[in-house]
């Protein structure tokens, strides 16, 4: 079975978004919740995964992460709603 990569967006308790990439979204989300994910999610506790997209390569997932991080909050909300 070929490995897949994912770009994901997490909603935090401070109503902000955190974006990252991984090869296992659920495992990564658990790491964020336990304080072992990223510095940002230690200070801004994760609530839920609000967006995830699957890619065949790590490069594609990283490129999507970069694209999402460059978006405005309004664009991210539209992406999450499925309109971007």
PDB file of N, CA and C in Angstrom:
ATOM      1  N   UNK A   1       0.846  -1.191   0.000  1.00  0.00           N
ATOM      2  CA  UNK A   1       0.000   0.000   0.000  1.00  0.00           C
ATOM      3  C   UNK A   1       0.885   1.246   0.000  1.00  0.00           C
ATOM      4  N   UNK A   2       0.578   2.137  -0.913  1.00  0.00           N
ATOM      5  CA  UNK A   2       1.373   3.355  -1.053  1.00  0.00           C
ATOM      6  C   UNK A   2       1.009   4.374   0.024  1.00  0.00           C
ATOM      7  N   UNK A   3       2.020   5.005   0.571  1.00  0.00           N
ATOM      8  CA  UNK A   3       1.836   5.998   1.627  1.00  0.00           C
ATOM      9  C   UNK A   3       1.158   7.244   1.064  1.00  0.00           C
ATOM     10  N   UNK A   4       0.237   7.800   1.829  1.00  0.00           N
ATOM     11  CA  UNK A   4      -0.453   9.037   1.469  1.00  0.00           C
ATOM     12  C   UNK A   4      -0.054  10.124   2.459  1.00  0.00           C
ATOM     13  N   UNK A   5      -0.182  11.349   2.028  1.00  0.00           N
ATOM     14  CA  UNK A   5       0.125  12.500   2.868  1.00  0.00           C
ATOM     15  C   UNK A   5      -1.093  13.412   2.906  1.00  0.00           C
ATOM     16  N   UNK A   6      -1.215  14.132   3.993  1.00  0.00           N
ATOM     17  CA  UNK A   6      -2.395  14.954   4.205  1.00  0.00           C
ATOM     18  C   UNK A   6      -1.994  16.358   4.656  1.00  0.00           C
ATOM     19  N   UNK A   7      -2.764  17.324   4.198  1.00  0.00           N
ATOM     20  CA  UNK A   7      -2.691  18.683   4.723  1.00  0.00           C
ATOM     21  C   UNK A   7      -3.952  18.846   5.552  1.00  0.00           C
ATOM     22  N   UNK A   8      -3.811  19.401   6.735  1.00  0.00           N
ATOM     23  CA  UNK A   8      -4.973  19.510   7.619  1.00  0.00           C
ATOM     24  C   UNK A   8      -5.028  20.899   8.252  1.00  0.00           C
ATOM     25  N   UNK A   9      -6.227  21.265   8.684  1.00  0.00           N
ATOM     26  CA  UNK A   9      -6.437  22.514   9.411  1.00  0.00           C
ATOM     27  C   UNK A   9      -7.189  22.167  10.689  1.00  0.00           C
ATOM     28  N   UNK A  10      -6.676  22.688  11.804  1.00  0.00           N
ATOM     29  CA  UNK A  10      -7.284  22.472  13.119  1.00  0.00           C
ATOM     30  C   UNK A  10      -7.847  23.800  13.619  1.00  0.00           C
ATOM     31  N   UNK A  11      -9.042  23.747  14.179  1.00  0.00           N
ATOM     32  CA  UNK A  11      -9.625  24.895  14.878  1.00  0.00           C
ATOM     33  C   UNK A  11      -9.152  24.830  16.327  1.00  0.00           C
ATOM     34  N   UNK A  12      -8.730  25.970  16.876  1.00  0.00           N
ATOM     35  CA  UNK A  12      -8.236  26.005  18.254  1.00  0.00           C
ATOM     36  C   UNK A  12      -9.249  26.680  19.186  1.00  0.00           C
ATOM     37  N   UNK A  13      -8.996  26.561  20.489  1.00  0.00           N
ATOM     38  CA  UNK A  13      -9.883  27.170  21.482  1.00  0.00           C
ATOM     39  C   UNK A  13      -9.896  28.694  21.400  1.00  0.00           C
ATOM     40  N   UNK A  14      -8.878  29.271  20.791  1.00  0.00           N
ATOM     41  CA  UNK A  14      -8.827  30.732  20.629  1.00  0.00           C
ATOM     42  C   UNK A  14      -9.450  31.172  19.301  1.00  0.00           C
ATOM     43  N   UNK A  15     -10.178  30.228  18.652  1.00  0.00           N
ATOM     44  CA  UNK A  15     -10.868  30.480  17.379  1.00  0.00           C
ATOM     45  C   UNK A  15      -9.900  30.856  16.256  1.00  0.00           C
ATOM     46  N   UNK A  16      -8.709  30.262  16.292  1.00  0.00           N
ATOM     47  CA  UNK A  16      -7.739  30.441  15.223  1.00  0.00           C
ATOM     48  C   UNK A  16      -7.560  29.100  14.531  1.00  0.00           C
ATOM     49  N   UNK A  17      -6.864  29.136  13.401  1.00  0.00           N
ATOM     50  CA  UNK A  17      -6.604  27.918  12.647  1.00  0.00           C
ATOM     51  C   UNK A  17      -5.118  27.583  12.690  1.00  0.00           C
ATOM     52  N   UNK A  18      -4.841  26.298  12.779  1.00  0.00           N
ATOM     53  CA  UNK A  18      -3.468  25.804  12.661  1.00  0.00           C
ATOM     54  C   UNK A  18      -3.443  24.856  11.473  1.00  0.00           C
ATOM     55  N   UNK A  19      -2.485  25.043  10.584  1.00  0.00           N
ATOM     56  CA  UNK A  19      -2.368  24.213   9.392  1.00  0.00           C
ATOM     57  C   UNK A  19      -1.053  23.449   9.421  1.00  0.00           C
ATOM     58  N   UNK A  20      -1.093  22.189   9.003  1.00  0.00           N
ATOM     59  CA  UNK A  20       0.108  21.374   8.939  1.00  0.00           C
ATOM     60  C   UNK A  20      -0.055  20.244   7.940  1.00  0.00           C
ATOM     61  N   UNK A  21       0.961  19.399   7.845  1.00  0.00           N
ATOM     62  CA  UNK A  21       0.863  18.215   6.986  1.00  0.00           C
ATOM     63  C   UNK A  21       1.402  17.011   7.741  1.00  0.00           C
ATOM     64  N   UNK A  22       0.953  15.827   7.336  1.00  0.00           N
ATOM     65  CA  UNK A  22       1.320  14.598   8.031  1.00  0.00           C
ATOM     66  C   UNK A  22       1.005  13.393   7.151  1.00  0.00           C
ATOM     67  N   UNK A  23       1.415  12.217   7.598  1.00  0.00           N
ATOM     68  CA  UNK A  23       1.006  10.992   6.915  1.00  0.00           C
ATOM     69  C   UNK A  23      -0.068  10.248   7.723  1.00  0.00           C
ATOM     70  N   UNK A  24      -0.465  10.812   8.887  1.00  0.00           N
ATOM     71  CA  UNK A  24      -1.506  10.212   9.725  1.00  0.00           C
ATOM     72  C   UNK A  24      -2.211  11.325  10.500  1.00  0.00           C
ATOM     73  N   UNK A  25      -3.350  11.768   9.981  1.00  0.00           N
ATOM     74  CA  UNK A  25      -4.041  12.933  10.537  1.00  0.00           C
ATOM     75  C   UNK A  25      -4.487  12.699  11.983  1.00  0.00           C
ATOM     76  N   UNK A  26      -5.105  11.571  12.252  1.00  0.00           N
ATOM     77  CA  UNK A  26      -5.606  11.309  13.605  1.00  0.00           C
ATOM     78  C   UNK A  26      -4.472  11.248  14.631  1.00  0.00           C
ATOM     79  N   UNK A  27      -3.391  10.562  14.269  1.00  0.00           N
ATOM     80  CA  UNK A  27      -2.234  10.456  15.171  1.00  0.00           C
ATOM     81  C   UNK A  27      -1.643  11.845  15.427  1.00  0.00           C
ATOM     82  N   UNK A  28      -1.557  12.654  14.382  1.00  0.00           N
ATOM     83  CA  UNK A  28      -0.996  14.005  14.520  1.00  0.00           C
ATOM     84  C   UNK A  28      -1.904  14.879  15.386  1.00  0.00           C
ATOM     85  N   UNK A  29      -3.215  14.749  15.198  1.00  0.00           N
ATOM     86  CA  UNK A  29      -4.168  15.519  16.001  1.00  0.00           C
ATOM     87  C   UNK A  29      -4.031  15.144  17.480  1.00  0.00           C
ATOM     88  N   UNK A  30      -3.889  13.857  17.769  1.00  0.00           N
ATOM     89  CA  UNK A  30      -3.690  13.412  19.149  1.00  0.00           C
ATOM     90  C   UNK A  30      -2.397  13.999  19.731  1.00  0.00           C
ATOM     91  N   UNK A  31      -1.353  14.081  18.910  1.00  0.00           N
ATOM     92  CA  UNK A  31      -0.093  14.687  19.356  1.00  0.00           C
ATOM     93  C   UNK A  31      -0.312  16.164  19.702  1.00  0.00           C
ATOM     94  N   UNK A  32      -1.073  16.865  18.861  1.00  0.00           N
ATOM     95  CA  UNK A  32      -1.375  18.272  19.142  1.00  0.00           C
ATOM     96  C   UNK A  32      -2.159  18.394  20.450  1.00  0.00           C
ATOM     97  N   UNK A  33      -3.159  17.541  20.620  1.00  0.00           N
ATOM     98  CA  UNK A  33      -3.988  17.603  21.837  1.00  0.00           C
ATOM     99  C   UNK A  33      -3.184  17.322  23.099  1.00  0.00           C
ATOM    100  N   UNK A  34      -2.180  16.454  22.994  1.00  0.00           N
ATOM    101  CA  UNK A  34      -1.388  16.102  24.175  1.00  0.00           C
ATOM    102  C   UNK A  34      -0.238  17.076  24.428  1.00  0.00           C
ATOM    103  N   UNK A  35      -0.127  18.120  23.581  1.00  0.00           N
ATOM    104  CA  UNK A  35       0.919  19.118  23.776  1.00  0.00           C
ATOM    105  C   UNK A  35       2.240  18.768  23.112  1.00  0.00           C
ATOM    106  N   UNK A  36       2.249  17.717  22.306  1.00  0.00           N
ATOM    107  CA  UNK A  36       3.476  17.285  21.645  1.00  0.00           C
ATOM    108  C   UNK A  36       3.477  17.572  20.141  1.00  0.00           C
ATOM    109  N   UNK A  37       2.499  18.352  19.673  1.00  0.00           N
ATOM    110  CA  UNK A  37       2.376  18.587  18.241  1.00  0.00           C
ATOM    111  C   UNK A  37       3.222  19.739  17.729  1.00  0.00           C
ATOM    112  N   UNK A  38       2.927  20.923  18.188  1.00  0.00           N
ATOM    113  CA  UNK A  38       3.618  22.126  17.730  1.00  0.00           C
ATOM    114  C   UNK A  38       3.526  23.179  18.821  1.00  0.00           C
ATOM    115  N   UNK A  39       4.460  24.079  18.832  1.00  0.00           N
ATOM    116  CA  UNK A  39       4.478  25.150  19.829  1.00  0.00           C
ATOM    117  C   UNK A  39       3.160  25.932  19.798  1.00  0.00           C
ATOM    118  N   UNK A  40       2.664  26.203  18.600  1.00  0.00           N
ATOM    119  CA  UNK A  40       1.432  26.980  18.456  1.00  0.00           C
ATOM    120  C   UNK A  40       0.247  26.289  19.129  1.00  0.00           C
ATOM    121  N   UNK A  41       0.131  24.977  18.949  1.00  0.00           N
ATOM    122  CA  UNK A  41      -1.017  24.270  19.523  1.00  0.00           C
ATOM    123  C   UNK A  41      -0.834  23.959  21.011  1.00  0.00           C
ATOM    124  N   UNK A  42       0.339  24.206  21.551  1.00  0.00           N
ATOM    125  CA  UNK A  42       0.496  24.121  23.012  1.00  0.00           C
ATOM    126  C   UNK A  42      -0.138  25.358  23.656  1.00  0.00           C
ATOM    127  N   UNK A  43       0.003  26.501  22.996  1.00  0.00           N
ATOM    128  CA  UNK A  43      -0.556  27.750  23.513  1.00  0.00           C
ATOM    129  C   UNK A  43      -2.020  27.939  23.105  1.00  0.00           C
ATOM    130  N   UNK A  44      -2.395  27.392  21.959  1.00  0.00           N
ATOM    131  CA  UNK A  44      -3.749  27.514  21.417  1.00  0.00           C
ATOM    132  C   UNK A  44      -4.296  26.096  21.257  1.00  0.00           C
ATOM    133  N   UNK A  45      -4.983  25.614  22.276  1.00  0.00           N
ATOM    134  CA  UNK A  45      -5.389  24.210  22.331  1.00  0.00           C
ATOM    135  C   UNK A  45      -6.295  23.816  21.162  1.00  0.00           C
ATOM    136  N   UNK A  46      -6.005  22.677  20.537  1.00  0.00           N
ATOM    137  CA  UNK A  46      -6.822  22.222  19.413  1.00  0.00           C
ATOM    138  C   UNK A  46      -8.202  21.739  19.858  1.00  0.00           C
ATOM    139  N   UNK A  47      -9.203  22.043  19.039  1.00  0.00           N
ATOM    140  CA  UNK A  47     -10.578  21.622  19.309  1.00  0.00           C
ATOM    141  C   UNK A  47     -10.959  20.486  18.378  1.00  0.00           C
ATOM    142  N   UNK A  48     -10.806  20.720  17.062  1.00  0.00           N
ATOM    143  CA  UNK A  48     -11.177  19.682  16.098  1.00  0.00           C
ATOM    144  C   UNK A  48     -10.505  19.937  14.762  1.00  0.00           C
ATOM    145  N   UNK A  49     -10.433  18.877  13.972  1.00  0.00           N
ATOM    146  CA  UNK A  49      -9.932  18.986  12.601  1.00  0.00           C
ATOM    147  C   UNK A  49     -11.090  19.491  11.754  1.00  0.00           C
ATOM    148  N   UNK A  50     -10.872  20.596  11.055  1.00  0.00           N
ATOM    149  CA  UNK A  50     -11.946  21.181  10.255  1.00  0.00           C
ATOM    150  C   UNK A  50     -11.728  21.012   8.755  1.00  0.00           C
ATOM    151  N   UNK A  51     -10.527  20.560   8.373  1.00  0.00           N
ATOM    152  CA  UNK A  51     -10.230  20.370   6.951  1.00  0.00           C
ATOM    153  C   UNK A  51      -9.084  19.379   6.822  1.00  0.00           C
ATOM    154  N   UNK A  52      -9.183  18.501   5.842  1.00  0.00           N
ATOM    155  CA  UNK A  52      -8.074  17.603   5.521  1.00  0.00           C
ATOM    156  C   UNK A  52      -8.156  17.251   4.036  1.00  0.00           C
ATOM    157  N   UNK A  53      -7.008  17.244   3.382  1.00  0.00           N
ATOM    158  CA  UNK A  53      -6.932  16.878   1.964  1.00  0.00           C
ATOM    159  C   UNK A  53      -5.816  15.855   1.801  1.00  0.00           C
ATOM    160  N   UNK A  54      -6.045  14.876   0.942  1.00  0.00           N
ATOM    161  CA  UNK A  54      -5.100  13.775   0.739  1.00  0.00           C
ATOM    162  C   UNK A  54      -4.271  14.003  -0.524  1.00  0.00           C
ATOM    163  N   UNK A  55      -2.984  13.655  -0.439  1.00  0.00           N
ATOM    164  CA  UNK A  55      -2.065  13.807  -1.565  1.00  0.00           C
ATOM    165  C   UNK A  55      -1.199  12.562  -1.713  1.00  0.00           C
ATOM    166  N   UNK A  56      -0.716  12.335  -2.909  1.00  0.00           N
ATOM    167  CA  UNK A  56       0.135  11.180  -3.183  1.00  0.00           C
ATOM    168  C   UNK A  56       1.568  11.380  -2.719  1.00  0.00           C
ATOM    169  N   UNK A  57       2.006  12.651  -2.654  1.00  0.00           N
ATOM    170  CA  UNK A  57       3.396  12.905  -2.277  1.00  0.00           C
ATOM    171  C   UNK A  57       3.484  13.915  -1.138  1.00  0.00           C
ATOM    172  N   UNK A  58       4.563  13.838  -0.402  1.00  0.00           N
ATOM    173  CA  UNK A  58       4.829  14.773   0.684  1.00  0.00           C
ATOM    174  C   UNK A  58       4.953  16.191   0.133  1.00  0.00           C
ATOM    175  N   UNK A  59       5.581  16.329  -1.021  1.00  0.00           N
ATOM    176  CA  UNK A  59       5.757  17.641  -1.646  1.00  0.00           C
ATOM    177  C   UNK A  59       4.416  18.300  -1.917  1.00  0.00           C
ATOM    178  N   UNK A  60       3.459  17.543  -2.449  1.00  0.00           N
ATOM    179  CA  UNK A  60       2.136  18.112  -2.727  1.00  0.00           C
ATOM    180  C   UNK A  60       1.458  18.579  -1.442  1.00  0.00           C
ATOM    181  N   UNK A  61       1.574  17.781  -0.389  1.00  0.00           N
ATOM    182  CA  UNK A  61       0.973  18.157   0.894  1.00  0.00           C
ATOM    183  C   UNK A  61       1.629  19.414   1.446  1.00  0.00           C
ATOM    184  N   UNK A  62       2.943  19.502   1.317  1.00  0.00           N
ATOM    185  CA  UNK A  62       3.667  20.687   1.797  1.00  0.00           C
ATOM    186  C   UNK A  62       3.285  21.925   0.987  1.00  0.00           C
ATOM    187  N   UNK A  63       3.099  21.758  -0.307  1.00  0.00           N
ATOM    188  CA  UNK A  63       2.704  22.887  -1.156  1.00  0.00           C
ATOM    189  C   UNK A  63       1.306  23.373  -0.784  1.00  0.00           C
ATOM    190  N   UNK A  64       0.398  22.433  -0.494  1.00  0.00           N
ATOM    191  CA  UNK A  64      -0.951  22.817  -0.079  1.00  0.00           C
ATOM    192  C   UNK A  64      -0.912  23.521   1.273  1.00  0.00           C
ATOM    193  N   UNK A  65      -0.072  23.048   2.183  1.00  0.00           N
ATOM    194  CA  UNK A  65       0.086  23.714   3.479  1.00  0.00           C
ATOM    195  C   UNK A  65       0.540  25.160   3.265  1.00  0.00           C
ATOM    196  N   UNK A  66       1.519  25.359   2.418  1.00  0.00           N
ATOM    197  CA  UNK A  66       2.032  26.699   2.137  1.00  0.00           C
ATOM    198  C   UNK A  66       0.930  27.580   1.540  1.00  0.00           C
ATOM    199  N   UNK A  67       0.146  27.007   0.621  1.00  0.00           N
ATOM    200  CA  UNK A  67      -0.944  27.761  -0.019  1.00  0.00           C
ATOM    201  C   UNK A  67      -1.977  28.188   1.024  1.00  0.00           C
ATOM    202  N   UNK A  68      -2.357  27.270   1.893  1.00  0.00           N
ATOM    203  CA  UNK A  68      -3.357  27.586   2.921  1.00  0.00           C
ATOM    204  C   UNK A  68      -2.825  28.629   3.895  1.00  0.00           C
ATOM    205  N   UNK A  69      -1.576  28.501   4.315  1.00  0.00           N
ATOM    206  CA  UNK A  69      -1.000  29.458   5.256  1.00  0.00           C
ATOM    207  C   UNK A  69      -0.922  30.870   4.679  1.00  0.00           C
ATOM    208  N   UNK A  70      -0.906  30.975   3.352  1.00  0.00           N
ATOM    209  CA  UNK A  70      -0.849  32.301   2.731  1.00  0.00           C
ATOM    210  C   UNK A  70      -2.239  32.925   2.578  1.00  0.00           C
ATOM    211  N   UNK A  71      -3.277  32.167   2.871  1.00  0.00           N
ATOM    212  CA  UNK A  71      -4.651  32.661   2.732  1.00  0.00           C
ATOM    213  C   UNK A  71      -5.036  33.578   3.891  1.00  0.00           C
ATOM    214  N   UNK A  72      -5.994  34.426   3.628  1.00  0.00           N
ATOM    215  CA  UNK A  72      -6.595  35.223   4.692  1.00  0.00           C
ATOM    216  C   UNK A  72      -7.517  34.317   5.512  1.00  0.00           C
ATOM    217  N   UNK A  73      -7.913  34.775   6.672  1.00  0.00           N
ATOM    218  CA  UNK A  73      -8.840  33.987   7.488  1.00  0.00           C
ATOM    219  C   UNK A  73     -10.137  33.719   6.725  1.00  0.00           C
ATOM    220  N   UNK A  74     -10.634  34.724   6.025  1.00  0.00           N
ATOM    221  CA  UNK A  74     -11.873  34.581   5.272  1.00  0.00           C
ATOM    222  C   UNK A  74     -11.736  33.492   4.201  1.00  0.00           C
ATOM    223  N   UNK A  75     -10.593  33.454   3.526  1.00  0.00           N
ATOM    224  CA  UNK A  75     -10.356  32.424   2.518  1.00  0.00           C
ATOM    225  C   UNK A  75     -10.283  31.037   3.156  1.00  0.00           C
ATOM    226  N   UNK A  76      -9.670  30.954   4.340  1.00  0.00           N
ATOM    227  CA  UNK A  76      -9.598  29.669   5.044  1.00  0.00           C
ATOM    228  C   UNK A  76     -10.992  29.188   5.425  1.00  0.00           C
ATOM    229  N   UNK A  77     -11.839  30.100   5.875  1.00  0.00           N
ATOM    230  CA  UNK A  77     -13.218  29.740   6.221  1.00  0.00           C
ATOM    231  C   UNK A  77     -13.939  29.208   4.979  1.00  0.00           C
ATOM    232  N   UNK A  78     -13.751  29.868   3.856  1.00  0.00           N
ATOM    233  CA  UNK A  78     -14.367  29.410   2.608  1.00  0.00           C
ATOM    234  C   UNK A  78     -13.829  28.030   2.205  1.00  0.00           C
ATOM    235  N   UNK A  79     -12.538  27.817   2.365  1.00  0.00           N
ATOM    236  CA  UNK A  79     -11.926  26.522   2.069  1.00  0.00           C
ATOM    237  C   UNK A  79     -12.566  25.428   2.924  1.00  0.00           C
ATOM    238  N   UNK A  80     -12.721  25.707   4.202  1.00  0.00           N
ATOM    239  CA  UNK A  80     -13.303  24.744   5.125  1.00  0.00           C
ATOM    240  C   UNK A  80     -14.753  24.437   4.757  1.00  0.00           C
ATOM    241  N   UNK A  81     -15.465  25.451   4.284  1.00  0.00           N
ATOM    242  CA  UNK A  81     -16.850  25.262   3.854  1.00  0.00           C
ATOM    243  C   UNK A  81     -16.937  24.524   2.527  1.00  0.00           C
ATOM    244  N   UNK A  82     -15.778  24.298   1.888  1.00  0.00           N
ATOM    245  CA  UNK A  82     -15.774  23.589   0.616  1.00  0.00           C
ATOM    246  C   UNK A  82     -15.961  24.466  -0.591  1.00  0.00           C
ATOM    247  N   UNK A  83     -15.740  25.761  -0.432  1.00  0.00           N
ATOM    248  CA  UNK A  83     -15.998  26.701  -1.521  1.00  0.00           C
ATOM    249  C   UNK A  83     -14.714  27.251  -2.137  1.00  0.00           C
ATOM    250  N   UNK A  84     -13.567  26.750  -1.752  1.00  0.00           N
ATOM    251  CA  UNK A  84     -12.312  27.301  -2.285  1.00  0.00           C
ATOM    252  C   UNK A  84     -11.637  26.303  -3.193  1.00  0.00           C
TER     253      UNK A  84
END
